[in-house]
């Protein structure tokens, strides 16, 4: 009987460790992707063509994006996005886990 309890306990311990490892790996991957998104690494950037003197003479590519920080976004743009997404945001605040 004692041997069976040890085997069952070991089995559940291994399952717990496996699920914990999976959850931790998933968290790390999600966090990495989120940080890459914030840094702008996931966005395609246009190709810049420079003249011999270093002056940019053309920008080509599928999208002409310029990565900016959150503080560089105009306050009216932040308010417009917030109004379109959730007009009651300031009444209930962000989602908390």
N, C-alpha and C. Protein backbone atom coordinates (compact mmCIF):
# COMPACT_ATOMS: atom_id res chain seq x y z
N UNK A 1 0.84 -1.19 0.00
CA UNK A 1 0.00 0.00 0.00
C UNK A 1 0.88 1.25 0.00
N UNK A 2 1.93 1.23 0.81
CA UNK A 2 2.83 2.38 0.90
C UNK A 2 3.54 2.60 -0.44
N UNK A 3 3.87 1.53 -1.13
CA UNK A 3 4.54 1.61 -2.42
C UNK A 3 3.62 2.26 -3.46
N UNK A 4 2.34 1.93 -3.42
CA UNK A 4 1.37 2.51 -4.36
C UNK A 4 1.22 4.00 -4.11
N UNK A 5 1.16 4.41 -2.85
CA UNK A 5 1.05 5.84 -2.52
C UNK A 5 2.28 6.60 -3.01
N UNK A 6 3.44 6.03 -2.87
CA UNK A 6 4.67 6.68 -3.34
C UNK A 6 4.64 6.83 -4.86
N UNK A 7 4.20 5.79 -5.55
CA UNK A 7 4.12 5.84 -7.02
C UNK A 7 3.09 6.87 -7.47
N UNK A 8 1.95 6.89 -6.84
CA UNK A 8 0.90 7.87 -7.19
C UNK A 8 1.39 9.28 -6.89
N UNK A 9 2.02 9.47 -5.73
CA UNK A 9 2.56 10.78 -5.38
C UNK A 9 3.61 11.24 -6.38
N UNK A 10 4.50 10.34 -6.78
CA UNK A 10 5.51 10.66 -7.77
C UNK A 10 4.88 11.00 -9.11
N UNK A 11 3.86 10.27 -9.48
CA UNK A 11 3.15 10.52 -10.74
C UNK A 11 2.55 11.93 -10.76
N UNK A 12 1.85 12.29 -9.69
CA UNK A 12 1.25 13.63 -9.62
C UNK A 12 2.30 14.72 -9.55
N UNK A 13 3.41 14.45 -8.88
CA UNK A 13 4.51 15.41 -8.82
C UNK A 13 5.06 15.66 -10.22
N UNK A 14 5.26 14.61 -10.99
CA UNK A 14 5.78 14.76 -12.35
C UNK A 14 4.81 15.50 -13.25
N UNK A 15 3.53 15.22 -13.09
CA UNK A 15 2.52 15.94 -13.88
C UNK A 15 2.54 17.43 -13.49
N UNK A 16 2.59 17.71 -12.20
CA UNK A 16 2.63 19.10 -11.73
C UNK A 16 3.86 19.82 -12.27
N UNK A 17 5.01 19.18 -12.22
CA UNK A 17 6.24 19.80 -12.72
C UNK A 17 6.17 20.02 -14.23
N UNK A 18 5.59 19.08 -14.95
CA UNK A 18 5.45 19.24 -16.40
C UNK A 18 4.54 20.39 -16.76
N UNK A 19 3.41 20.48 -16.09
CA UNK A 19 2.48 21.59 -16.35
C UNK A 19 3.09 22.93 -15.95
N UNK A 20 3.81 22.92 -14.84
CA UNK A 20 4.48 24.15 -14.40
C UNK A 20 5.53 24.60 -15.40
N UNK A 21 6.30 23.67 -15.92
CA UNK A 21 7.31 24.00 -16.93
C UNK A 21 6.66 24.53 -18.20
N UNK A 22 5.57 23.90 -18.60
CA UNK A 22 4.86 24.36 -19.79
C UNK A 22 4.33 25.79 -19.60
N UNK A 23 3.71 26.05 -18.45
CA UNK A 23 3.16 27.38 -18.17
C UNK A 23 4.28 28.42 -18.14
N UNK A 24 5.39 28.10 -17.53
CA UNK A 24 6.52 29.04 -17.44
C UNK A 24 7.10 29.34 -18.82
N UNK A 25 7.25 28.31 -19.63
CA UNK A 25 7.76 28.50 -20.99
C UNK A 25 6.80 29.34 -21.82
N UNK A 26 5.52 29.09 -21.68
CA UNK A 26 4.51 29.88 -22.39
C UNK A 26 4.55 31.33 -21.95
N UNK A 27 4.72 31.57 -20.65
CA UNK A 27 4.82 32.94 -20.14
C UNK A 27 6.04 33.64 -20.72
N UNK A 28 7.19 32.97 -20.73
CA UNK A 28 8.41 33.58 -21.25
C UNK A 28 8.27 33.91 -22.72
N UNK A 29 7.67 33.02 -23.50
CA UNK A 29 7.50 33.27 -24.93
C UNK A 29 6.55 34.42 -25.17
N UNK A 30 5.46 34.48 -24.42
CA UNK A 30 4.48 35.56 -24.57
C UNK A 30 5.11 36.89 -24.18
N UNK A 31 5.86 36.90 -23.09
CA UNK A 31 6.51 38.12 -22.63
C UNK A 31 7.53 38.60 -23.66
N UNK A 32 8.27 37.66 -24.25
CA UNK A 32 9.26 38.01 -25.27
C UNK A 32 8.57 38.62 -26.48
N UNK A 33 7.47 38.01 -26.94
CA UNK A 33 6.74 38.54 -28.08
C UNK A 33 6.18 39.92 -27.77
N UNK A 34 5.69 40.13 -26.56
CA UNK A 34 5.13 41.43 -26.19
C UNK A 34 6.22 42.50 -26.18
N UNK A 35 7.40 42.16 -25.62
CA UNK A 35 8.50 43.12 -25.61
C UNK A 35 8.98 43.43 -27.02
N UNK A 36 9.02 42.42 -27.89
CA UNK A 36 9.40 42.66 -29.28
C UNK A 36 8.40 43.58 -29.97
N UNK A 37 7.13 43.39 -29.66
CA UNK A 37 6.09 44.24 -30.25
C UNK A 37 6.25 45.68 -29.78
N UNK A 38 6.53 45.87 -28.48
CA UNK A 38 6.73 47.21 -27.96
C UNK A 38 7.96 47.88 -28.55
N UNK A 39 8.99 47.10 -28.82
CA UNK A 39 10.22 47.64 -29.40
C UNK A 39 10.10 47.88 -30.90
N UNK A 40 9.03 47.42 -31.50
CA UNK A 40 8.83 47.61 -32.93
C UNK A 40 9.53 46.59 -33.78
N UNK A 41 10.02 45.50 -33.21
CA UNK A 41 10.76 44.51 -33.98
C UNK A 41 9.86 43.65 -34.85
N UNK A 42 8.57 43.61 -34.59
CA UNK A 42 7.66 42.77 -35.38
C UNK A 42 7.10 43.51 -36.59
N UNK A 43 7.28 44.82 -36.64
CA UNK A 43 6.72 45.59 -37.74
C UNK A 43 7.67 45.61 -38.92
N UNK A 44 7.12 45.50 -40.12
CA UNK A 44 7.97 45.63 -41.30
C UNK A 44 8.34 47.10 -41.46
N UNK A 45 9.57 47.32 -41.85
CA UNK A 45 10.05 48.69 -42.00
C UNK A 45 10.39 48.94 -43.46
N UNK A 46 10.20 50.17 -43.91
CA UNK A 46 10.51 50.47 -45.32
C UNK A 46 12.03 50.47 -45.56
N UNK A 47 12.39 50.31 -46.82
CA UNK A 47 13.79 50.37 -47.22
C UNK A 47 14.14 51.80 -47.56
N UNK A 48 15.24 52.27 -47.01
CA UNK A 48 15.70 53.63 -47.29
C UNK A 48 16.88 53.55 -48.24
N UNK A 49 16.85 54.39 -49.28
CA UNK A 49 17.93 54.44 -50.27
C UNK A 49 18.64 55.77 -50.08
N UNK A 50 19.97 55.68 -49.91
CA UNK A 50 20.78 56.86 -49.64
C UNK A 50 21.67 57.17 -50.83
N UNK A 51 21.91 58.45 -51.03
CA UNK A 51 22.86 58.90 -52.05
C UNK A 51 24.27 58.72 -51.51
N UNK A 52 25.25 58.94 -52.36
CA UNK A 52 26.64 58.77 -51.97
C UNK A 52 27.03 59.73 -50.85
N UNK A 53 26.39 60.90 -50.79
CA UNK A 53 26.71 61.89 -49.75
C UNK A 53 25.98 61.62 -48.43
N UNK A 54 25.19 60.55 -48.35
CA UNK A 54 24.50 60.19 -47.11
C UNK A 54 23.08 60.70 -47.00
N UNK A 55 22.62 61.45 -48.01
CA UNK A 55 21.25 61.98 -47.99
C UNK A 55 20.26 60.90 -48.42
N UNK A 56 19.16 60.79 -47.70
CA UNK A 56 18.12 59.82 -48.05
C UNK A 56 17.37 60.34 -49.27
N UNK A 57 17.39 59.56 -50.35
CA UNK A 57 16.75 60.02 -51.58
C UNK A 57 15.44 59.30 -51.88
N UNK A 58 15.21 58.15 -51.23
CA UNK A 58 13.96 57.42 -51.49
C UNK A 58 13.65 56.49 -50.34
N UNK A 59 12.37 56.31 -50.11
CA UNK A 59 11.89 55.33 -49.13
C UNK A 59 10.89 54.45 -49.85
N UNK A 60 11.20 53.15 -49.92
CA UNK A 60 10.31 52.23 -50.62
C UNK A 60 9.96 51.07 -49.70
N UNK A 61 8.85 50.45 -49.98
CA UNK A 61 8.45 49.31 -49.18
C UNK A 61 6.94 49.24 -49.09
N UNK A 62 6.42 48.12 -48.56
CA UNK A 62 4.97 47.94 -48.50
C UNK A 62 4.30 48.89 -47.51
N UNK A 63 5.01 49.29 -46.47
CA UNK A 63 4.42 50.18 -45.47
C UNK A 63 5.46 51.21 -45.05
N UNK A 64 5.03 52.43 -44.90
CA UNK A 64 5.93 53.49 -44.49
C UNK A 64 5.64 53.83 -43.03
N UNK A 65 6.25 53.07 -42.12
CA UNK A 65 6.00 53.25 -40.68
C UNK A 65 7.17 53.95 -40.03
N UNK A 66 6.84 54.70 -39.01
CA UNK A 66 7.87 55.28 -38.17
C UNK A 66 7.53 54.89 -36.73
N UNK A 67 8.40 54.15 -36.09
CA UNK A 67 8.17 53.69 -34.73
C UNK A 67 8.36 54.88 -33.78
N UNK A 68 7.38 55.10 -32.89
CA UNK A 68 7.46 56.17 -31.90
C UNK A 68 7.21 55.59 -30.52
N UNK A 69 7.66 56.30 -29.50
CA UNK A 69 7.40 55.89 -28.13
C UNK A 69 6.00 56.36 -27.74
N UNK A 70 5.50 55.84 -26.63
CA UNK A 70 4.16 56.22 -26.16
C UNK A 70 4.08 57.72 -25.88
N UNK A 71 5.14 58.30 -25.36
CA UNK A 71 5.13 59.72 -25.03
C UNK A 71 5.14 60.62 -26.26
N UNK A 72 5.51 60.08 -27.41
CA UNK A 72 5.53 60.87 -28.64
C UNK A 72 4.15 60.93 -29.32
N UNK A 73 3.21 60.13 -28.85
CA UNK A 73 1.86 60.13 -29.44
C UNK A 73 1.08 61.30 -28.86
N UNK A 74 0.43 62.05 -29.73
CA UNK A 74 -0.35 63.21 -29.32
C UNK A 74 -1.49 62.81 -28.38
N UNK A 75 -1.77 63.65 -27.40
CA UNK A 75 -2.81 63.37 -26.42
C UNK A 75 -4.17 63.16 -27.08
N UNK A 76 -4.49 63.95 -28.11
CA UNK A 76 -5.77 63.79 -28.80
C UNK A 76 -5.88 62.43 -29.49
N UNK A 77 -4.77 61.93 -30.01
CA UNK A 77 -4.78 60.60 -30.64
C UNK A 77 -5.03 59.52 -29.58
N UNK A 78 -4.40 59.66 -28.42
CA UNK A 78 -4.62 58.70 -27.33
C UNK A 78 -6.09 58.71 -26.91
N UNK A 79 -6.67 59.89 -26.79
CA UNK A 79 -8.08 60.01 -26.40
C UNK A 79 -9.00 59.42 -27.46
N UNK A 80 -8.66 59.62 -28.74
CA UNK A 80 -9.50 59.10 -29.82
C UNK A 80 -9.48 57.58 -29.83
N UNK A 81 -8.31 56.99 -29.64
CA UNK A 81 -8.21 55.53 -29.60
C UNK A 81 -8.97 54.98 -28.41
N UNK A 82 -8.82 55.64 -27.28
CA UNK A 82 -9.51 55.19 -26.07
C UNK A 82 -11.03 55.30 -26.23
N UNK A 83 -11.50 56.38 -26.84
CA UNK A 83 -12.94 56.56 -27.05
C UNK A 83 -13.50 55.50 -27.99
N UNK A 84 -12.71 55.14 -29.00
CA UNK A 84 -13.18 54.13 -29.95
C UNK A 84 -13.19 52.74 -29.32
N UNK A 85 -12.24 52.46 -28.47
CA UNK A 85 -12.12 51.14 -27.86
C UNK A 85 -13.02 50.97 -26.64
N UNK A 86 -12.98 51.92 -25.71
CA UNK A 86 -13.72 51.77 -24.45
C UNK A 86 -14.00 53.16 -23.87
N UNK A 87 -15.15 53.69 -24.16
CA UNK A 87 -15.48 55.05 -23.71
C UNK A 87 -15.63 55.16 -22.20
N UNK A 88 -15.83 54.04 -21.49
CA UNK A 88 -15.99 54.08 -20.03
C UNK A 88 -14.71 53.69 -19.29
N UNK A 89 -13.56 53.75 -19.96
CA UNK A 89 -12.30 53.30 -19.37
C UNK A 89 -12.00 54.01 -18.05
N UNK A 90 -12.20 55.30 -18.01
CA UNK A 90 -11.86 56.06 -16.79
C UNK A 90 -12.86 55.81 -15.67
N UNK A 91 -14.00 55.21 -15.97
CA UNK A 91 -14.96 54.88 -14.92
C UNK A 91 -14.63 53.54 -14.25
N UNK A 92 -14.14 52.58 -15.03
CA UNK A 92 -13.85 51.25 -14.44
C UNK A 92 -12.38 50.89 -14.44
N UNK A 93 -11.54 51.61 -15.16
CA UNK A 93 -10.10 51.36 -15.16
C UNK A 93 -9.72 50.15 -15.99
N UNK A 94 -8.44 49.79 -15.93
CA UNK A 94 -7.96 48.66 -16.73
C UNK A 94 -8.39 47.33 -16.14
N UNK A 95 -8.25 46.30 -16.93
CA UNK A 95 -8.55 44.96 -16.46
C UNK A 95 -7.46 44.53 -15.50
N UNK A 96 -7.86 43.99 -14.35
CA UNK A 96 -6.88 43.53 -13.37
C UNK A 96 -7.02 42.04 -13.20
N UNK A 97 -5.90 41.37 -13.09
CA UNK A 97 -5.89 39.93 -12.94
C UNK A 97 -5.66 39.56 -11.50
